[in-house]
């Protein structure tokens, strides 16, 4: 796997209802919150080998939280989600940052080879 050299980007900051309506264009791909919301980073762990997954976690500086369910969070404390499209994995952090205030970041994009 190889990391794209893009900077972390804030995509949304506001009420959750508005975020659900937004369409974000990233790398000529139209993405909505509902495209990745039910894909926590822990699910990607089952789809990739441990070495690549560990590199992704280390380089992204995500933290593992073991509570009722295992989840990865960003430096801001937002849960990490992913979206796979062709040979790319988009990593997003999303969640309630303050009461009623939701934030969405594009954390990074990774390229992987399916063969």
PDB file of N, CA and C in Angstrom:
ATOM      1  N   UNK A   1       0.838  -1.180   0.000  1.00  0.00           N
ATOM      2  CA  UNK A   1       0.000   0.000   0.000  1.00  0.00           C
ATOM      3  C   UNK A   1       0.878   1.238   0.000  1.00  0.00           C
ATOM      4  N   UNK A   2       0.345   2.287  -0.608  1.00  0.00           N
ATOM      5  CA  UNK A   2       1.095   3.539  -0.706  1.00  0.00           C
ATOM      6  C   UNK A   2       0.164   4.696  -0.385  1.00  0.00           C
ATOM      7  N   UNK A   3       0.647   5.630   0.412  1.00  0.00           N
ATOM      8  CA  UNK A   3      -0.151   6.778   0.829  1.00  0.00           C
ATOM      9  C   UNK A   3      -0.050   7.899  -0.194  1.00  0.00           C
ATOM     10  N   UNK A   4      -1.188   8.492  -0.523  1.00  0.00           N
ATOM     11  CA  UNK A   4      -1.241   9.667  -1.386  1.00  0.00           C
ATOM     12  C   UNK A   4      -0.714  10.850  -0.577  1.00  0.00           C
ATOM     13  N   UNK A   5      -0.016  11.738  -1.210  1.00  0.00           N
ATOM     14  CA  UNK A   5       0.582  12.872  -0.505  1.00  0.00           C
ATOM     15  C   UNK A   5      -0.362  14.071  -0.408  1.00  0.00           C
ATOM     16  N   UNK A   6      -1.606  13.828  -0.053  1.00  0.00           N
ATOM     17  CA  UNK A   6      -2.551  14.928   0.146  1.00  0.00           C
ATOM     18  C   UNK A   6      -2.553  15.336   1.615  1.00  0.00           C
ATOM     19  N   UNK A   7      -2.897  16.568   1.864  1.00  0.00           N
ATOM     20  CA  UNK A   7      -2.992  17.047   3.245  1.00  0.00           C
ATOM     21  C   UNK A   7      -4.372  16.702   3.794  1.00  0.00           C
ATOM     22  N   UNK A   8      -4.436  16.510   5.086  1.00  0.00           N
ATOM     23  CA  UNK A   8      -5.703  16.276   5.773  1.00  0.00           C
ATOM     24  C   UNK A   8      -6.619  17.470   5.504  1.00  0.00           C
ATOM     25  N   UNK A   9      -7.898  17.188   5.198  1.00  0.00           N
ATOM     26  CA  UNK A   9      -8.814  18.261   4.833  1.00  0.00           C
ATOM     27  C   UNK A   9     -10.097  18.202   5.643  1.00  0.00           C
ATOM     28  N   UNK A  10     -10.526  19.367   6.139  1.00  0.00           N
ATOM     29  CA  UNK A  10     -11.835  19.444   6.788  1.00  0.00           C
ATOM     30  C   UNK A  10     -12.880  19.547   5.687  1.00  0.00           C
ATOM     31  N   UNK A  11     -13.818  18.594   5.663  1.00  0.00           N
ATOM     32  CA  UNK A  11     -14.854  18.587   4.652  1.00  0.00           C
ATOM     33  C   UNK A  11     -16.164  19.186   5.150  1.00  0.00           C
ATOM     34  N   UNK A  12     -16.407  19.083   6.463  1.00  0.00           N
ATOM     35  CA  UNK A  12     -17.679  19.542   6.997  1.00  0.00           C
ATOM     36  C   UNK A  12     -17.536  19.924   8.461  1.00  0.00           C
ATOM     37  N   UNK A  13     -18.326  20.933   8.854  1.00  0.00           N
ATOM     38  CA  UNK A  13     -18.380  21.374  10.245  1.00  0.00           C
ATOM     39  C   UNK A  13     -19.765  21.980  10.448  1.00  0.00           C
ATOM     40  N   UNK A  14     -20.647  21.279  11.164  1.00  0.00           N
ATOM     41  CA  UNK A  14     -21.995  21.795  11.384  1.00  0.00           C
ATOM     42  C   UNK A  14     -22.944  20.731  11.893  1.00  0.00           C
ATOM     43  N   UNK A  15     -24.222  20.904  11.608  1.00  0.00           N
ATOM     44  CA  UNK A  15     -25.254  19.965  12.068  1.00  0.00           C
ATOM     45  C   UNK A  15     -25.268  18.700  11.216  1.00  0.00           C
ATOM     46  N   UNK A  16     -25.494  17.558  11.864  1.00  0.00           N
ATOM     47  CA  UNK A  16     -25.450  16.262  11.192  1.00  0.00           C
ATOM     48  C   UNK A  16     -26.436  16.169  10.027  1.00  0.00           C
ATOM     49  N   UNK A  17     -27.638  16.737  10.186  1.00  0.00           N
ATOM     50  CA  UNK A  17     -28.635  16.654   9.113  1.00  0.00           C
ATOM     51  C   UNK A  17     -28.098  17.262   7.817  1.00  0.00           C
ATOM     52  N   UNK A  18     -27.373  18.360   7.945  1.00  0.00           N
ATOM     53  CA  UNK A  18     -26.802  19.025   6.763  1.00  0.00           C
ATOM     54  C   UNK A  18     -25.693  18.173   6.146  1.00  0.00           C
ATOM     55  N   UNK A  19     -24.903  17.529   6.967  1.00  0.00           N
ATOM     56  CA  UNK A  19     -23.824  16.675   6.461  1.00  0.00           C
ATOM     57  C   UNK A  19     -24.386  15.505   5.652  1.00  0.00           C
ATOM     58  N   UNK A  20     -25.525  14.981   6.081  1.00  0.00           N
ATOM     59  CA  UNK A  20     -26.154  13.870   5.367  1.00  0.00           C
ATOM     60  C   UNK A  20     -26.584  14.269   3.959  1.00  0.00           C
ATOM     61  N   UNK A  21     -26.790  15.549   3.726  1.00  0.00           N
ATOM     62  CA  UNK A  21     -27.220  16.035   2.420  1.00  0.00           C
ATOM     63  C   UNK A  21     -26.056  16.421   1.510  1.00  0.00           C
ATOM     64  N   UNK A  22     -24.895  16.616   2.091  1.00  0.00           N
ATOM     65  CA  UNK A  22     -23.729  17.077   1.336  1.00  0.00           C
ATOM     66  C   UNK A  22     -23.169  15.984   0.421  1.00  0.00           C
ATOM     67  N   UNK A  23     -22.623  16.411  -0.713  1.00  0.00           N
ATOM     68  CA  UNK A  23     -21.893  15.533  -1.623  1.00  0.00           C
ATOM     69  C   UNK A  23     -20.496  16.128  -1.760  1.00  0.00           C
ATOM     70  N   UNK A  24     -19.484  15.316  -1.492  1.00  0.00           N
ATOM     71  CA  UNK A  24     -18.094  15.767  -1.526  1.00  0.00           C
ATOM     72  C   UNK A  24     -17.416  15.165  -2.744  1.00  0.00           C
ATOM     73  N   UNK A  25     -16.700  15.985  -3.501  1.00  0.00           N
ATOM     74  CA  UNK A  25     -15.980  15.474  -4.663  1.00  0.00           C
ATOM     75  C   UNK A  25     -14.510  15.355  -4.313  1.00  0.00           C
ATOM     76  N   UNK A  26     -14.024  14.114  -4.338  1.00  0.00           N
ATOM     77  CA  UNK A  26     -12.639  13.824  -3.989  1.00  0.00           C
ATOM     78  C   UNK A  26     -12.066  12.922  -5.073  1.00  0.00           C
ATOM     79  N   UNK A  27     -11.002  13.349  -5.693  1.00  0.00           N
ATOM     80  CA  UNK A  27     -10.361  12.583  -6.769  1.00  0.00           C
ATOM     81  C   UNK A  27     -11.376  12.205  -7.850  1.00  0.00           C
ATOM     82  N   UNK A  28     -12.194  13.164  -8.254  1.00  0.00           N
ATOM     83  CA  UNK A  28     -13.238  12.976  -9.279  1.00  0.00           C
ATOM     84  C   UNK A  28     -14.286  11.940  -8.901  1.00  0.00           C
ATOM     85  N   UNK A  29     -14.444  11.691  -7.631  1.00  0.00           N
ATOM     86  CA  UNK A  29     -15.442  10.751  -7.125  1.00  0.00           C
ATOM     87  C   UNK A  29     -16.401  11.506  -6.218  1.00  0.00           C
ATOM     88  N   UNK A  30     -17.686  11.327  -6.439  1.00  0.00           N
ATOM     89  CA  UNK A  30     -18.695  11.972  -5.596  1.00  0.00           C
ATOM     90  C   UNK A  30     -19.004  11.047  -4.420  1.00  0.00           C
ATOM     91  N   UNK A  31     -18.811  11.570  -3.203  1.00  0.00           N
ATOM     92  CA  UNK A  31     -18.926  10.765  -1.982  1.00  0.00           C
ATOM     93  C   UNK A  31     -19.897  11.434  -1.021  1.00  0.00           C
ATOM     94  N   UNK A  32     -20.753  10.621  -0.417  1.00  0.00           N
ATOM     95  CA  UNK A  32     -21.670  11.102   0.614  1.00  0.00           C
ATOM     96  C   UNK A  32     -21.338  10.389   1.921  1.00  0.00           C
ATOM     97  N   UNK A  33     -21.737  10.976   3.020  1.00  0.00           N
ATOM     98  CA  UNK A  33     -21.500  10.387   4.341  1.00  0.00           C
ATOM     99  C   UNK A  33     -22.039   8.957   4.413  1.00  0.00           C
ATOM    100  N   UNK A  34     -23.195   8.721   3.824  1.00  0.00           N
ATOM    101  CA  UNK A  34     -23.806   7.394   3.874  1.00  0.00           C
ATOM    102  C   UNK A  34     -23.004   6.338   3.100  1.00  0.00           C
ATOM    103  N   UNK A  35     -22.076   6.752   2.242  1.00  0.00           N
ATOM    104  CA  UNK A  35     -21.244   5.800   1.496  1.00  0.00           C
ATOM    105  C   UNK A  35     -20.237   5.082   2.388  1.00  0.00           C
ATOM    106  N   UNK A  36     -19.856   5.707   3.501  1.00  0.00           N
ATOM    107  CA  UNK A  36     -18.828   5.097   4.355  1.00  0.00           C
ATOM    108  C   UNK A  36     -19.198   5.042   5.836  1.00  0.00           C
ATOM    109  N   UNK A  37     -20.321   5.609   6.214  1.00  0.00           N
ATOM    110  CA  UNK A  37     -20.670   5.710   7.635  1.00  0.00           C
ATOM    111  C   UNK A  37     -20.715   4.352   8.341  1.00  0.00           C
ATOM    112  N   UNK A  38     -21.166   3.329   7.661  1.00  0.00           N
ATOM    113  CA  UNK A  38     -21.248   1.991   8.265  1.00  0.00           C
ATOM    114  C   UNK A  38     -20.012   1.142   7.983  1.00  0.00           C
ATOM    115  N   UNK A  39     -18.893   1.785   7.727  1.00  0.00           N
ATOM    116  CA  UNK A  39     -17.633   1.084   7.457  1.00  0.00           C
ATOM    117  C   UNK A  39     -16.543   1.566   8.413  1.00  0.00           C
ATOM    118  N   UNK A  40     -16.605   1.137   9.665  1.00  0.00           N
ATOM    119  CA  UNK A  40     -15.543   1.533  10.597  1.00  0.00           C
ATOM    120  C   UNK A  40     -14.212   0.904  10.189  1.00  0.00           C
ATOM    121  N   UNK A  41     -13.131   1.541  10.554  1.00  0.00           N
ATOM    122  CA  UNK A  41     -11.794   1.080  10.156  1.00  0.00           C
ATOM    123  C   UNK A  41     -11.516  -0.353  10.610  1.00  0.00           C
ATOM    124  N   UNK A  42     -12.116  -0.785  11.695  1.00  0.00           N
ATOM    125  CA  UNK A  42     -11.889  -2.165  12.165  1.00  0.00           C
ATOM    126  C   UNK A  42     -12.325  -3.185  11.118  1.00  0.00           C
ATOM    127  N   UNK A  43     -13.318  -2.864  10.285  1.00  0.00           N
ATOM    128  CA  UNK A  43     -13.761  -3.784   9.234  1.00  0.00           C
ATOM    129  C   UNK A  43     -12.697  -3.931   8.148  1.00  0.00           C
ATOM    130  N   UNK A  44     -11.932  -2.864   7.891  1.00  0.00           N
ATOM    131  CA  UNK A  44     -10.863  -2.931   6.894  1.00  0.00           C
ATOM    132  C   UNK A  44      -9.771  -3.900   7.332  1.00  0.00           C
ATOM    133  N   UNK A  45      -9.591  -4.032   8.618  1.00  0.00           N
ATOM    134  CA  UNK A  45      -8.580  -4.940   9.175  1.00  0.00           C
ATOM    135  C   UNK A  45      -8.803  -6.370   8.677  1.00  0.00           C
ATOM    136  N   UNK A  46     -10.066  -6.745   8.472  1.00  0.00           N
ATOM    137  CA  UNK A  46     -10.405  -8.084   8.000  1.00  0.00           C
ATOM    138  C   UNK A  46     -10.175  -8.248   6.503  1.00  0.00           C
ATOM    139  N   UNK A  47     -10.073  -7.123   5.779  1.00  0.00           N
ATOM    140  CA  UNK A  47      -9.937  -7.154   4.327  1.00  0.00           C
ATOM    141  C   UNK A  47      -8.497  -6.995   3.841  1.00  0.00           C
ATOM    142  N   UNK A  48      -7.591  -6.618   4.727  1.00  0.00           N
ATOM    143  CA  UNK A  48      -6.199  -6.421   4.345  1.00  0.00           C
ATOM    144  C   UNK A  48      -5.296  -7.288   5.211  1.00  0.00           C
ATOM    145  N   UNK A  49      -4.065  -7.406   4.785  1.00  0.00           N
ATOM    146  CA  UNK A  49      -3.126  -8.168   5.608  1.00  0.00           C
ATOM    147  C   UNK A  49      -2.662  -7.298   6.775  1.00  0.00           C
ATOM    148  N   UNK A  50      -2.189  -7.945   7.821  1.00  0.00           N
ATOM    149  CA  UNK A  50      -1.798  -7.241   9.048  1.00  0.00           C
ATOM    150  C   UNK A  50      -0.678  -6.227   8.830  1.00  0.00           C
ATOM    151  N   UNK A  51       0.267  -6.543   7.974  1.00  0.00           N
ATOM    152  CA  UNK A  51       1.401  -5.645   7.744  1.00  0.00           C
ATOM    153  C   UNK A  51       0.930  -4.320   7.161  1.00  0.00           C
ATOM    154  N   UNK A  52       0.129  -4.389   6.088  1.00  0.00           N
ATOM    155  CA  UNK A  52      -0.368  -3.153   5.472  1.00  0.00           C
ATOM    156  C   UNK A  52      -1.275  -2.383   6.420  1.00  0.00           C
ATOM    157  N   UNK A  53      -2.103  -3.082   7.158  1.00  0.00           N
ATOM    158  CA  UNK A  53      -3.002  -2.410   8.093  1.00  0.00           C
ATOM    159  C   UNK A  53      -2.198  -1.704   9.184  1.00  0.00           C
ATOM    160  N   UNK A  54      -1.174  -2.358   9.699  1.00  0.00           N
ATOM    161  CA  UNK A  54      -0.332  -1.750  10.734  1.00  0.00           C
ATOM    162  C   UNK A  54       0.396  -0.507  10.225  1.00  0.00           C
ATOM    163  N   UNK A  55       0.852  -0.537   8.968  1.00  0.00           N
ATOM    164  CA  UNK A  55       1.504   0.632   8.363  1.00  0.00           C
ATOM    165  C   UNK A  55       0.520   1.785   8.270  1.00  0.00           C
ATOM    166  N   UNK A  56      -0.682   1.482   7.815  1.00  0.00           N
ATOM    167  CA  UNK A  56      -1.729   2.492   7.685  1.00  0.00           C
ATOM    168  C   UNK A  56      -2.015   3.156   9.032  1.00  0.00           C
ATOM    169  N   UNK A  57      -2.148   2.366  10.083  1.00  0.00           N
ATOM    170  CA  UNK A  57      -2.442   2.893  11.420  1.00  0.00           C
ATOM    171  C   UNK A  57      -1.282   3.745  11.939  1.00  0.00           C
ATOM    172  N   UNK A  58      -0.074   3.226  11.796  1.00  0.00           N
ATOM    173  CA  UNK A  58       1.101   3.928  12.319  1.00  0.00           C
ATOM    174  C   UNK A  58       1.319   5.263  11.609  1.00  0.00           C
ATOM    175  N   UNK A  59       1.269   5.262  10.282  1.00  0.00           N
ATOM    176  CA  UNK A  59       1.506   6.496   9.526  1.00  0.00           C
ATOM    177  C   UNK A  59       0.390   7.510   9.715  1.00  0.00           C
ATOM    178  N   UNK A  60      -0.819   7.041   9.958  1.00  0.00           N
ATOM    179  CA  UNK A  60      -1.962   7.933  10.143  1.00  0.00           C
ATOM    180  C   UNK A  60      -2.086   8.438  11.578  1.00  0.00           C
ATOM    181  N   UNK A  61      -1.348   7.814  12.488  1.00  0.00           N
ATOM    182  CA  UNK A  61      -1.364   8.183  13.914  1.00  0.00           C
ATOM    183  C   UNK A  61      -2.765   8.046  14.531  1.00  0.00           C
ATOM    184  N   UNK A  62      -3.462   6.972  14.157  1.00  0.00           N
ATOM    185  CA  UNK A  62      -4.767   6.693  14.745  1.00  0.00           C
ATOM    186  C   UNK A  62      -4.575   5.950  16.058  1.00  0.00           C
ATOM    187  N   UNK A  63      -5.519   6.111  16.966  1.00  0.00           N
ATOM    188  CA  UNK A  63      -5.473   5.425  18.249  1.00  0.00           C
ATOM    189  C   UNK A  63      -6.580   4.400  18.324  1.00  0.00           C
ATOM    190  N   UNK A  64      -6.275   3.257  18.907  1.00  0.00           N
ATOM    191  CA  UNK A  64      -7.250   2.193  19.109  1.00  0.00           C
ATOM    192  C   UNK A  64      -7.916   2.376  20.462  1.00  0.00           C
ATOM    193  N   UNK A  65      -9.224   2.353  20.473  1.00  0.00           N
ATOM    194  CA  UNK A  65     -10.007   2.442  21.709  1.00  0.00           C
ATOM    195  C   UNK A  65     -10.736   1.115  21.884  1.00  0.00           C
ATOM    196  N   UNK A  66     -10.496   0.454  22.989  1.00  0.00           N
ATOM    197  CA  UNK A  66     -11.198  -0.789  23.298  1.00  0.00           C
ATOM    198  C   UNK A  66     -12.249  -0.498  24.355  1.00  0.00           C
ATOM    199  N   UNK A  67     -13.458  -0.271  23.888  1.00  0.00           N
ATOM    200  CA  UNK A  67     -14.571  -0.091  24.817  1.00  0.00           C
ATOM    201  C   UNK A  67     -15.526  -1.254  24.563  1.00  0.00           C
ATOM    202  N   UNK A  68     -16.794  -0.994  24.488  1.00  0.00           N
ATOM    203  CA  UNK A  68     -17.759  -2.062  24.177  1.00  0.00           C
ATOM    204  C   UNK A  68     -17.429  -2.666  22.815  1.00  0.00           C
ATOM    205  N   UNK A  69     -17.090  -1.809  21.857  1.00  0.00           N
ATOM    206  CA  UNK A  69     -16.617  -2.265  20.552  1.00  0.00           C
ATOM    207  C   UNK A  69     -15.275  -1.610  20.274  1.00  0.00           C
ATOM    208  N   UNK A  70     -14.429  -2.297  19.560  1.00  0.00           N
ATOM    209  CA  UNK A  70     -13.120  -1.778  19.194  1.00  0.00           C
ATOM    210  C   UNK A  70     -13.297  -0.737  18.098  1.00  0.00           C
ATOM    211  N   UNK A  71     -12.630   0.429  18.242  1.00  0.00           N
ATOM    212  CA  UNK A  71     -12.691   1.432  17.190  1.00  0.00           C
ATOM    213  C   UNK A  71     -11.403   2.235  17.173  1.00  0.00           C
ATOM    214  N   UNK A  72     -11.131   2.807  16.012  1.00  0.00           N
ATOM    215  CA  UNK A  72      -9.969   3.674  15.841  1.00  0.00           C
ATOM    216  C   UNK A  72     -10.451   5.115  15.782  1.00  0.00           C
ATOM    217  N   UNK A  73      -9.680   6.004  16.417  1.00  0.00           N
ATOM    218  CA  UNK A  73     -10.040   7.414  16.420  1.00  0.00           C
ATOM    219  C   UNK A  73      -8.860   8.263  15.951  1.00  0.00           C
ATOM    220  N   UNK A  74      -9.195   9.456  15.469  1.00  0.00           N
ATOM    221  CA  UNK A  74      -8.184  10.414  15.007  1.00  0.00           C
ATOM    222  C   UNK A  74      -7.612  11.170  16.195  1.00  0.00           C
ATOM    223  N   UNK A  75      -6.676  12.054  15.909  1.00  0.00           N
ATOM    224  CA  UNK A  75      -6.089  12.897  16.951  1.00  0.00           C
ATOM    225  C   UNK A  75      -7.139  13.800  17.596  1.00  0.00           C
ATOM    226  N   UNK A  76      -8.224  14.088  16.865  1.00  0.00           N
ATOM    227  CA  UNK A  76      -9.323  14.919  17.388  1.00  0.00           C
ATOM    228  C   UNK A  76     -10.352  14.108  18.163  1.00  0.00           C
ATOM    229  N   UNK A  77     -10.170  12.784  18.220  1.00  0.00           N
ATOM    230  CA  UNK A  77     -11.123  11.928  18.924  1.00  0.00           C
ATOM    231  C   UNK A  77     -12.318  11.506  18.090  1.00  0.00           C
ATOM    232  N   UNK A  78     -12.251  11.712  16.770  1.00  0.00           N
ATOM    233  CA  UNK A  78     -13.338  11.330  15.877  1.00  0.00           C
ATOM    234  C   UNK A  78     -13.103   9.925  15.341  1.00  0.00           C
ATOM    235  N   UNK A  79     -14.182   9.154  15.203  1.00  0.00           N
ATOM    236  CA  UNK A  79     -14.054   7.771  14.739  1.00  0.00           C
ATOM    237  C   UNK A  79     -13.653   7.720  13.265  1.00  0.00           C
ATOM    238  N   UNK A  80     -12.788   6.759  12.940  1.00  0.00           N
ATOM    239  CA  UNK A  80     -12.277   6.589  11.582  1.00  0.00           C
ATOM    240  C   UNK A  80     -13.155   5.607  10.815  1.00  0.00           C
ATOM    241  N   UNK A  81     -13.503   6.004   9.586  1.00  0.00           N
ATOM    242  CA  UNK A  81     -14.279   5.179   8.667  1.00  0.00           C
ATOM    243  C   UNK A  81     -13.504   5.105   7.355  1.00  0.00           C
ATOM    244  N   UNK A  82     -13.863   4.137   6.513  1.00  0.00           N
ATOM    245  CA  UNK A  82     -13.159   4.024   5.233  1.00  0.00           C
ATOM    246  C   UNK A  82     -14.136   3.769   4.098  1.00  0.00           C
ATOM    247  N   UNK A  83     -13.661   4.054   2.886  1.00  0.00           N
ATOM    248  CA  UNK A  83     -14.402   3.772   1.668  1.00  0.00           C
ATOM    249  C   UNK A  83     -13.411   3.220   0.664  1.00  0.00           C
ATOM    250  N   UNK A  84     -13.699   2.040   0.135  1.00  0.00           N
ATOM    251  CA  UNK A  84     -12.852   1.458  -0.906  1.00  0.00           C
ATOM    252  C   UNK A  84     -13.491   1.752  -2.251  1.00  0.00           C
ATOM    253  N   UNK A  85     -12.668   2.197  -3.197  1.00  0.00           N
ATOM    254  CA  UNK A  85     -13.127   2.442  -4.557  1.00  0.00           C
ATOM    255  C   UNK A  85     -11.991   2.107  -5.500  1.00  0.00           C
ATOM    256  N   UNK A  86     -12.212   1.119  -6.355  1.00  0.00           N
ATOM    257  CA  UNK A  86     -11.175   0.624  -7.261  1.00  0.00           C
ATOM    258  C   UNK A  86      -9.917   0.298  -6.479  1.00  0.00           C
ATOM    259  N   UNK A  87      -8.806   0.975  -6.750  1.00  0.00           N
ATOM    260  CA  UNK A  87      -7.552   0.668  -6.045  1.00  0.00           C
ATOM    261  C   UNK A  87      -7.244   1.682  -4.946  1.00  0.00           C
ATOM    262  N   UNK A  88      -8.275   2.411  -4.490  1.00  0.00           N
ATOM    263  CA  UNK A  88      -8.052   3.426  -3.467  1.00  0.00           C
ATOM    264  C   UNK A  88      -8.854   3.134  -2.198  1.00  0.00           C
ATOM    265  N   UNK A  89      -8.266   3.517  -1.074  1.00  0.00           N
ATOM    266  CA  UNK A  89      -8.957   3.472   0.216  1.00  0.00           C
ATOM    267  C   UNK A  89      -8.950   4.897   0.756  1.00  0.00           C
ATOM    268  N   UNK A  90     -10.140   5.450   0.943  1.00  0.00           N
ATOM    269  CA  UNK A  90     -10.302   6.787   1.507  1.00  0.00           C
ATOM    270  C   UNK A  90     -10.546   6.635   3.003  1.00  0.00           C
ATOM    271  N   UNK A  91      -9.820   7.360   3.817  1.00  0.00           N
ATOM    272  CA  UNK A  91     -10.006   7.324   5.265  1.00  0.00           C
ATOM    273  C   UNK A  91     -10.600   8.645   5.733  1.00  0.00           C
ATOM    274  N   UNK A  92     -11.688   8.539   6.466  1.00  0.00           N
ATOM    275  CA  UNK A  92     -12.403   9.706   6.969  1.00  0.00           C
ATOM    276  C   UNK A  92     -12.503   9.625   8.483  1.00  0.00           C
ATOM    277  N   UNK A  93     -12.497  10.774   9.135  1.00  0.00           N
ATOM    278  CA  UNK A  93     -12.841  10.827  10.557  1.00  0.00           C
ATOM    279  C   UNK A  93     -14.130  11.640  10.652  1.00  0.00           C
ATOM    280  N   UNK A  94     -15.049  11.149  11.486  1.00  0.00           N
ATOM    281  CA  UNK A  94     -16.357  11.788  11.585  1.00  0.00           C
ATOM    282  C   UNK A  94     -16.926  11.578  12.980  1.00  0.00           C
ATOM    283  N   UNK A  95     -17.621  12.587  13.457  1.00  0.00           N
ATOM    284  CA  UNK A  95     -18.306  12.438  14.724  1.00  0.00           C
ATOM    285  C   UNK A  95     -18.705  13.767  15.318  1.00  0.00           C
ATOM    286  N   UNK A  96     -19.327  13.665  16.471  1.00  0.00           N
ATOM    287  CA  UNK A  96     -19.770  14.855  17.188  1.00  0.00           C
ATOM    288  C   UNK A  96     -18.577  15.433  17.935  1.00  0.00           C
ATOM    289  N   UNK A  97     -18.192  16.632  17.554  1.00  0.00           N
ATOM    290  CA  UNK A  97     -17.013  17.286  18.119  1.00  0.00           C
ATOM    291  C   UNK A  97     -17.379  18.069  19.377  1.00  0.00           C
ATOM    292  N   UNK A  98     -18.503  18.733  19.322  1.00  0.00           N
ATOM    293  CA  UNK A  98     -19.097  19.436  20.459  1.00  0.00           C
ATOM    294  C   UNK A  98     -20.592  19.144  20.381  1.00  0.00           C
ATOM    295  N   UNK A  99     -21.345  19.352  21.443  1.00  0.00           N
ATOM    296  CA  UNK A  99     -22.783  19.065  21.385  1.00  0.00           C
ATOM    297  C   UNK A  99     -23.458  19.718  20.169  1.00  0.00           C
ATOM    298  N   UNK A 100     -24.021  18.885  19.296  1.00  0.00           N
ATOM    299  CA  UNK A 100     -24.709  19.366  18.107  1.00  0.00           C
ATOM    300  C   UNK A 100     -23.810  19.775  16.956  1.00  0.00           C
ATOM    301  N   UNK A 101     -22.488  19.704  17.140  1.00  0.00           N
ATOM    302  CA  UNK A 101     -21.535  20.103  16.098  1.00  0.00           C
ATOM    303  C   UNK A 101     -20.776  18.867  15.612  1.00  0.00           C
ATOM    304  N   UNK A 102     -20.997  18.523  14.349  1.00  0.00           N
ATOM    305  CA  UNK A 102     -20.345  17.359  13.758  1.00  0.00           C
ATOM    306  C   UNK A 102     -19.255  17.820  12.805  1.00  0.00           C
ATOM    307  N   UNK A 103     -18.180  17.054  12.792  1.00  0.00           N
ATOM    308  CA  UNK A 103     -17.064  17.372  11.903  1.00  0.00           C
ATOM    309  C   UNK A 103     -16.702  16.149  11.076  1.00  0.00           C
ATOM    310  N   UNK A 104     -16.303  16.409   9.838  1.00  0.00           N
ATOM    311  CA  UNK A 104     -15.875  15.363   8.913  1.00  0.00           C
ATOM    312  C   UNK A 104     -14.565  15.797   8.283  1.00  0.00           C
ATOM    313  N   UNK A 105     -13.572  14.923   8.356  1.00  0.00           N
ATOM    314  CA  UNK A 105     -12.269  15.170   7.746  1.00  0.00           C
ATOM    315  C   UNK A 105     -11.925  14.041   6.783  1.00  0.00           C
ATOM    316  N   UNK A 106     -11.297  14.399   5.677  1.00  0.00           N
ATOM    317  CA  UNK A 106     -10.625  13.409   4.848  1.00  0.00           C
ATOM    318  C   UNK A 106      -9.246  13.279   5.466  1.00  0.00           C
ATOM    319  N   UNK A 107      -8.977  12.146   6.074  1.00  0.00           N
ATOM    320  CA  UNK A 107      -7.688  11.940   6.757  1.00  0.00           C
ATOM    321  C   UNK A 107      -6.577  11.625   5.768  1.00  0.00           C
ATOM    322  N   UNK A 108      -6.845  10.685   4.852  1.00  0.00           N
ATOM    323  CA  UNK A 108      -5.829  10.302   3.872  1.00  0.00           C
ATOM    324  C   UNK A 108      -6.437   9.399   2.815  1.00  0.00           C
ATOM    325  N   UNK A 109      -5.662   9.201   1.762  1.00  0.00           N
ATOM    326  CA  UNK A 109      -6.034   8.281   0.687  1.00  0.00           C
ATOM    327  C   UNK A 109      -4.859   7.332   0.500  1.00  0.00           C
ATOM    328  N   UNK A 110      -5.170   6.058   0.396  1.00  0.00           N
ATOM    329  CA  UNK A 110      -4.158   5.024   0.201  1.00  0.00           C
ATOM    330  C   UNK A 110      -4.440   4.272  -1.088  1.00  0.00           C
ATOM    331  N   UNK A 111      -3.371   3.875  -1.764  1.00  0.00           N
ATOM    332  CA  UNK A 111      -3.482   3.072  -2.994  1.00  0.00           C
ATOM    333  C   UNK A 111      -3.021   1.663  -2.666  1.00  0.00           C
ATOM    334  N   UNK A 112      -3.771   0.692  -3.139  1.00  0.00           N
ATOM    335  CA  UNK A 112      -3.362  -0.681  -2.914  1.00  0.00           C
ATOM    336  C   UNK A 112      -3.488  -1.478  -4.204  1.00  0.00           C
ATOM    337  N   UNK A 113      -2.777  -2.573  -4.260  1.00  0.00           N
ATOM    338  CA  UNK A 113      -2.784  -3.438  -5.425  1.00  0.00           C
ATOM    339  C   UNK A 113      -3.569  -4.688  -5.095  1.00  0.00           C
ATOM    340  N   UNK A 114      -4.580  -5.001  -5.901  1.00  0.00           N
ATOM    341  CA  UNK A 114      -5.432  -6.152  -5.631  1.00  0.00           C
ATOM    342  C   UNK A 114      -4.776  -7.484  -5.962  1.00  0.00           C
ATOM    343  N   UNK A 115      -3.724  -7.465  -6.729  1.00  0.00           N
ATOM    344  CA  UNK A 115      -3.098  -8.743  -7.121  1.00  0.00           C
ATOM    345  C   UNK A 115      -2.139  -9.270  -6.105  1.00  0.00           C
TER     346      UNK A 115
END
